[in-house]
Amino acid sequence: MLDQRHKRPESVLVVIYTLAGEVLLLERVQPAGYWQSVTGSLEWGENADDAAQRELYEETGLQASDRLHATGQVNHFQIVPAWKPRYAPDVNENTEYVYQLALAQRQDIALHQQEHINYRWLPAAVAAEQVASTTNRDAILHLPIRI
């Protein structure tokens, strides 16, 4: 049984994009210069759909339960050493569920100041090069838009 005092080794990745082909990226407080889409761990007892909606709102202020699309893509990756202490000692891998949110146009974003310090809307190809995570890059490159 997993230790509920630690983070659950399951997370969501929510890629937000406009129909014009722009992708929203958020810059983390730490480490500096770390750009990503909306991400976050599932809470104990929470399913991936609920986590995606919660993280979307917490990190951007957006609510879009009826437009949030679960892609069916599930990634498995080694936990970054800097973040390893957040997890139980025997946990080395994270499972990530990928979601997409299509917007007609850019929206104003309300950042969660303890987690992110900046945001940008970038062309998808540029956003794919800017993100730190390979799974985030792959999710951007597989959006149903022309890149």
C-alpha atoms as a PDB file:
ATOM      1  CA  MET A   1       0.000   0.000   0.000  1.00  0.00           C
ATOM      2  CA  LEU A   2       1.298   3.435  -0.873  1.00  0.00           C
ATOM      3  CA  ASP A   3       2.133   5.930   1.847  1.00  0.00           C
ATOM      4  CA  GLN A   4      -0.512   8.678   1.793  1.00  0.00           C
ATOM      5  CA  ARG A   5       1.818  11.062   3.628  1.00  0.00           C
ATOM      6  CA  HIS A   6       3.684  11.447   0.343  1.00  0.00           C
ATOM      7  CA  LYS A   7       2.607  12.611  -3.104  1.00  0.00           C
ATOM      8  CA  ARG A   8       0.718  10.124  -5.201  1.00  0.00           C
ATOM      9  CA  PRO A   9       2.877   9.008  -8.170  1.00  0.00           C
ATOM     10  CA  GLU A  10       0.150   9.787 -10.707  1.00  0.00           C
ATOM     11  CA  SER A  11      -0.350  13.121 -12.404  1.00  0.00           C
ATOM     12  CA  VAL A  12      -2.173  14.956 -15.161  1.00  0.00           C
ATOM     13  CA  LEU A  13      -0.819  17.032 -18.025  1.00  0.00           C
ATOM     14  CA  VAL A  14      -3.314  19.494 -19.520  1.00  0.00           C
ATOM     15  CA  VAL A  15      -2.240  21.144 -22.778  1.00  0.00           C
ATOM     16  CA  ILE A  16      -4.262  24.298 -23.468  1.00  0.00           C
ATOM     17  CA  TYR A  17      -4.274  25.580 -27.029  1.00  0.00           C
ATOM     18  CA  THR A  18      -6.175  27.958 -29.284  1.00  0.00           C
ATOM     19  CA  LEU A  19      -7.719  27.092 -32.623  1.00  0.00           C
ATOM     20  CA  ALA A  20      -5.146  29.493 -34.124  1.00  0.00           C
ATOM     21  CA  GLY A  21      -2.398  27.104 -32.991  1.00  0.00           C
ATOM     22  CA  GLU A  22      -1.090  28.858 -29.883  1.00  0.00           C
ATOM     23  CA  VAL A  23      -0.219  26.902 -26.746  1.00  0.00           C
ATOM     24  CA  LEU A  24      -0.299  28.225 -23.190  1.00  0.00           C
ATOM     25  CA  LEU A  25       2.896  27.695 -21.192  1.00  0.00           C
ATOM     26  CA  LEU A  26       3.431  28.447 -17.509  1.00  0.00           C
ATOM     27  CA  GLU A  27       6.801  29.250 -15.929  1.00  0.00           C
ATOM     28  CA  ARG A  28       7.390  27.544 -12.583  1.00  0.00           C
ATOM     29  CA  VAL A  29       8.673  29.452  -9.580  1.00  0.00           C
ATOM     30  CA  GLN A  30      11.281  26.701  -9.103  1.00  0.00           C
ATOM     31  CA  PRO A  31      13.351  25.722 -10.934  1.00  0.00           C
ATOM     32  CA  ALA A  32      13.796  29.062 -12.684  1.00  0.00           C
ATOM     33  CA  GLY A  33      13.180  28.959 -16.414  1.00  0.00           C
ATOM     34  CA  TYR A  34      11.134  25.735 -16.243  1.00  0.00           C
ATOM     35  CA  TRP A  35       8.210  26.089 -18.663  1.00  0.00           C
ATOM     36  CA  GLN A  36       5.321  23.633 -18.803  1.00  0.00           C
ATOM     37  CA  SER A  37       1.652  23.123 -19.501  1.00  0.00           C
ATOM     38  CA  VAL A  38      -0.763  22.663 -16.605  1.00  0.00           C
ATOM     39  CA  THR A  39       0.404  19.720 -14.503  1.00  0.00           C
ATOM     40  CA  GLY A  40      -0.239  18.275 -11.095  1.00  0.00           C
ATOM     41  CA  SER A  41      -0.484  15.166  -8.992  1.00  0.00           C
ATOM     42  CA  LEU A  42      -3.691  13.327  -8.321  1.00  0.00           C
ATOM     43  CA  GLU A  43      -4.764  13.634  -4.716  1.00  0.00           C
ATOM     44  CA  TRP A  44      -5.408  10.413  -2.808  1.00  0.00           C
ATOM     45  CA  GLY A  45      -8.922   9.209  -3.693  1.00  0.00           C
ATOM     46  CA  GLU A  46      -9.173  11.488  -6.754  1.00  0.00           C
ATOM     47  CA  ASN A  47      -9.547  10.290 -10.347  1.00  0.00           C
ATOM     48  CA  ALA A  48      -7.612  11.734 -13.285  1.00  0.00           C
ATOM     49  CA  ASP A  49     -10.585  13.621 -14.781  1.00  0.00           C
ATOM     50  CA  ASP A  50     -11.263  15.413 -11.505  1.00  0.00           C
ATOM     51  CA  ALA A  51      -7.555  16.150 -11.024  1.00  0.00           C
ATOM     52  CA  ALA A  52      -7.322  17.652 -14.520  1.00  0.00           C
ATOM     53  CA  GLN A  53     -10.259  19.965 -13.829  1.00  0.00           C
ATOM     54  CA  ARG A  54      -8.891  20.919 -10.398  1.00  0.00           C
ATOM     55  CA  GLU A  55      -5.368  21.613 -11.677  1.00  0.00           C
ATOM     56  CA  LEU A  56      -6.716  23.588 -14.643  1.00  0.00           C
ATOM     57  CA  TYR A  57      -8.619  25.882 -12.294  1.00  0.00           C
ATOM     58  CA  GLU A  58      -5.890  26.133  -9.635  1.00  0.00           C
ATOM     59  CA  GLU A  59      -3.126  26.977 -12.098  1.00  0.00           C
ATOM     60  CA  THR A  60      -5.001  29.162 -14.614  1.00  0.00           C
ATOM     61  CA  GLY A  61      -8.380  30.164 -13.196  1.00  0.00           C
ATOM     62  CA  LEU A  62     -10.059  28.496 -16.198  1.00  0.00           C
ATOM     63  CA  GLN A  63     -13.088  26.235 -15.833  1.00  0.00           C
ATOM     64  CA  ALA A  64     -13.888  23.969 -18.745  1.00  0.00           C
ATOM     65  CA  SER A  65     -15.271  20.652 -17.555  1.00  0.00           C
ATOM     66  CA  ASP A  66     -17.333  20.115 -20.699  1.00  0.00           C
ATOM     67  CA  ARG A  67     -14.422  20.948 -23.045  1.00  0.00           C
ATOM     68  CA  LEU A  68     -11.600  19.104 -21.299  1.00  0.00           C
ATOM     69  CA  HIS A  69     -10.600  16.158 -23.497  1.00  0.00           C
ATOM     70  CA  ALA A  70      -8.886  13.045 -22.138  1.00  0.00           C
ATOM     71  CA  THR A  71      -6.617  11.918 -24.982  1.00  0.00           C
ATOM     72  CA  GLY A  72      -6.143   8.370 -23.719  1.00  0.00           C
ATOM     73  CA  GLN A  73      -2.374   8.923 -23.765  1.00  0.00           C
ATOM     74  CA  VAL A  74      -0.720   7.623 -20.595  1.00  0.00           C
ATOM     75  CA  ASN A  75       2.974   8.291 -20.000  1.00  0.00           C
ATOM     76  CA  HIS A  76       5.348   6.626 -17.561  1.00  0.00           C
ATOM     77  CA  PHE A  77       8.579   8.335 -16.571  1.00  0.00           C
ATOM     78  CA  GLN A  78      11.243   8.384 -13.898  1.00  0.00           C
ATOM     79  CA  ILE A  79      10.650  10.997 -11.207  1.00  0.00           C
ATOM     80  CA  VAL A  80      13.074  13.927 -11.484  1.00  0.00           C
ATOM     81  CA  PRO A  81      15.711  13.620  -8.713  1.00  0.00           C
ATOM     82  CA  ALA A  82      14.972  17.125  -7.387  1.00  0.00           C
ATOM     83  CA  TRP A  83      11.325  16.120  -6.796  1.00  0.00           C
ATOM     84  CA  LYS A  84      12.003  12.596  -5.499  1.00  0.00           C
ATOM     85  CA  PRO A  85      11.748  13.594  -1.772  1.00  0.00           C
ATOM     86  CA  ARG A  86       8.053  14.432  -2.303  1.00  0.00           C
ATOM     87  CA  TYR A  87       7.319  10.746  -2.927  1.00  0.00           C
ATOM     88  CA  ALA A  88       7.564   7.623  -0.784  1.00  0.00           C
ATOM     89  CA  PRO A  89      11.147   6.266  -0.706  1.00  0.00           C
ATOM     90  CA  ASP A  90      10.330   3.204  -2.830  1.00  0.00           C
ATOM     91  CA  VAL A  91       8.592   5.210  -5.598  1.00  0.00           C
ATOM     92  CA  ASN A  92      10.684   5.945  -8.690  1.00  0.00           C
ATOM     93  CA  GLU A  93       8.162   6.246 -11.528  1.00  0.00           C
ATOM     94  CA  ASN A  94       5.198   8.515 -12.210  1.00  0.00           C
ATOM     95  CA  THR A  95       2.151   7.782 -14.378  1.00  0.00           C
ATOM     96  CA  GLU A  96       0.856  10.812 -16.305  1.00  0.00           C
ATOM     97  CA  TYR A  97      -2.582  11.157 -17.960  1.00  0.00           C
ATOM     98  CA  VAL A  98      -2.740  13.601 -20.880  1.00  0.00           C
ATOM     99  CA  TYR A  99      -5.595  16.046 -21.495  1.00  0.00           C
ATOM    100  CA  GLN A 100      -6.255  18.798 -24.017  1.00  0.00           C
ATOM    101  CA  LEU A 101      -8.320  21.955 -23.830  1.00  0.00           C
ATOM    102  CA  ALA A 102      -9.125  23.783 -27.082  1.00  0.00           C
ATOM    103  CA  LEU A 103     -10.080  27.449 -26.806  1.00  0.00           C
ATOM    104  CA  ALA A 104     -11.483  29.618 -29.576  1.00  0.00           C
ATOM    105  CA  GLN A 105      -8.982  32.319 -28.628  1.00  0.00           C
ATOM    106  CA  ARG A 106      -6.545  33.335 -25.909  1.00  0.00           C
ATOM    107  CA  GLN A 107      -7.993  33.775 -22.445  1.00  0.00           C
ATOM    108  CA  ASP A 108      -6.737  35.814 -19.519  1.00  0.00           C
ATOM    109  CA  ILE A 109      -4.921  33.574 -17.063  1.00  0.00           C
ATOM    110  CA  ALA A 110      -4.964  33.887 -13.258  1.00  0.00           C
ATOM    111  CA  LEU A 111      -1.694  32.302 -12.143  1.00  0.00           C
ATOM    112  CA  HIS A 112      -1.283  30.415  -8.876  1.00  0.00           C
ATOM    113  CA  GLN A 113       1.501  32.676  -7.574  1.00  0.00           C
ATOM    114  CA  GLN A 114       3.095  30.068  -5.306  1.00  0.00           C
ATOM    115  CA  GLU A 115       3.616  27.742  -8.260  1.00  0.00           C
ATOM    116  CA  HIS A 116       4.001  29.885 -11.400  1.00  0.00           C
ATOM    117  CA  ILE A 117       5.413  33.344 -12.066  1.00  0.00           C
ATOM    118  CA  ASN A 118       4.668  33.930 -15.725  1.00  0.00           C
ATOM    119  CA  TYR A 119       2.729  32.636 -18.703  1.00  0.00           C
ATOM    120  CA  ARG A 120       2.992  32.881 -22.477  1.00  0.00           C
ATOM    121  CA  TRP A 121       0.885  32.007 -25.484  1.00  0.00           C
ATOM    122  CA  LEU A 122       3.276  30.653 -28.118  1.00  0.00           C
ATOM    123  CA  PRO A 123       2.969  29.031 -31.533  1.00  0.00           C
ATOM    124  CA  ALA A 124       2.791  25.277 -30.940  1.00  0.00           C
ATOM    125  CA  ALA A 125       6.161  24.529 -32.570  1.00  0.00           C
ATOM    126  CA  VAL A 126       7.877  27.153 -30.393  1.00  0.00           C
ATOM    127  CA  ALA A 127       6.073  25.926 -27.271  1.00  0.00           C
ATOM    128  CA  ALA A 128       7.214  22.360 -27.978  1.00  0.00           C
ATOM    129  CA  GLU A 129      10.823  23.563 -27.998  1.00  0.00           C
ATOM    130  CA  GLN A 130      10.404  25.643 -24.825  1.00  0.00           C
ATOM    131  CA  VAL A 131       8.936  23.021 -22.469  1.00  0.00           C
ATOM    132  CA  ALA A 132      11.292  21.163 -20.155  1.00  0.00           C
ATOM    133  CA  SER A 133       9.502  17.804 -20.231  1.00  0.00           C
ATOM    134  CA  THR A 134       9.678  15.369 -23.129  1.00  0.00           C
ATOM    135  CA  THR A 135       6.143  14.130 -22.434  1.00  0.00           C
ATOM    136  CA  ASN A 136       4.899  17.731 -22.548  1.00  0.00           C
ATOM    137  CA  ARG A 137       6.748  18.262 -25.836  1.00  0.00           C
ATOM    138  CA  ASP A 138       5.190  15.119 -27.328  1.00  0.00           C
ATOM    139  CA  ALA A 139       1.700  16.139 -26.172  1.00  0.00           C
ATOM    140  CA  ILE A 140       2.070  19.536 -27.873  1.00  0.00           C
ATOM    141  CA  LEU A 141       3.358  17.993 -31.097  1.00  0.00           C
ATOM    142  CA  HIS A 142       0.328  15.658 -31.186  1.00  0.00           C
ATOM    143  CA  LEU A 143      -2.315  18.381 -30.830  1.00  0.00           C
ATOM    144  CA  PRO A 144      -5.062  18.249 -33.486  1.00  0.00           C
ATOM    145  CA  ILE A 145      -3.808  21.489 -35.064  1.00  0.00           C
ATOM    146  CA  ARG A 146      -1.366  22.313 -37.816  1.00  0.00           C
ATOM    147  CA  ILE A 147       2.109  22.826 -36.355  1.00  0.00           C
END
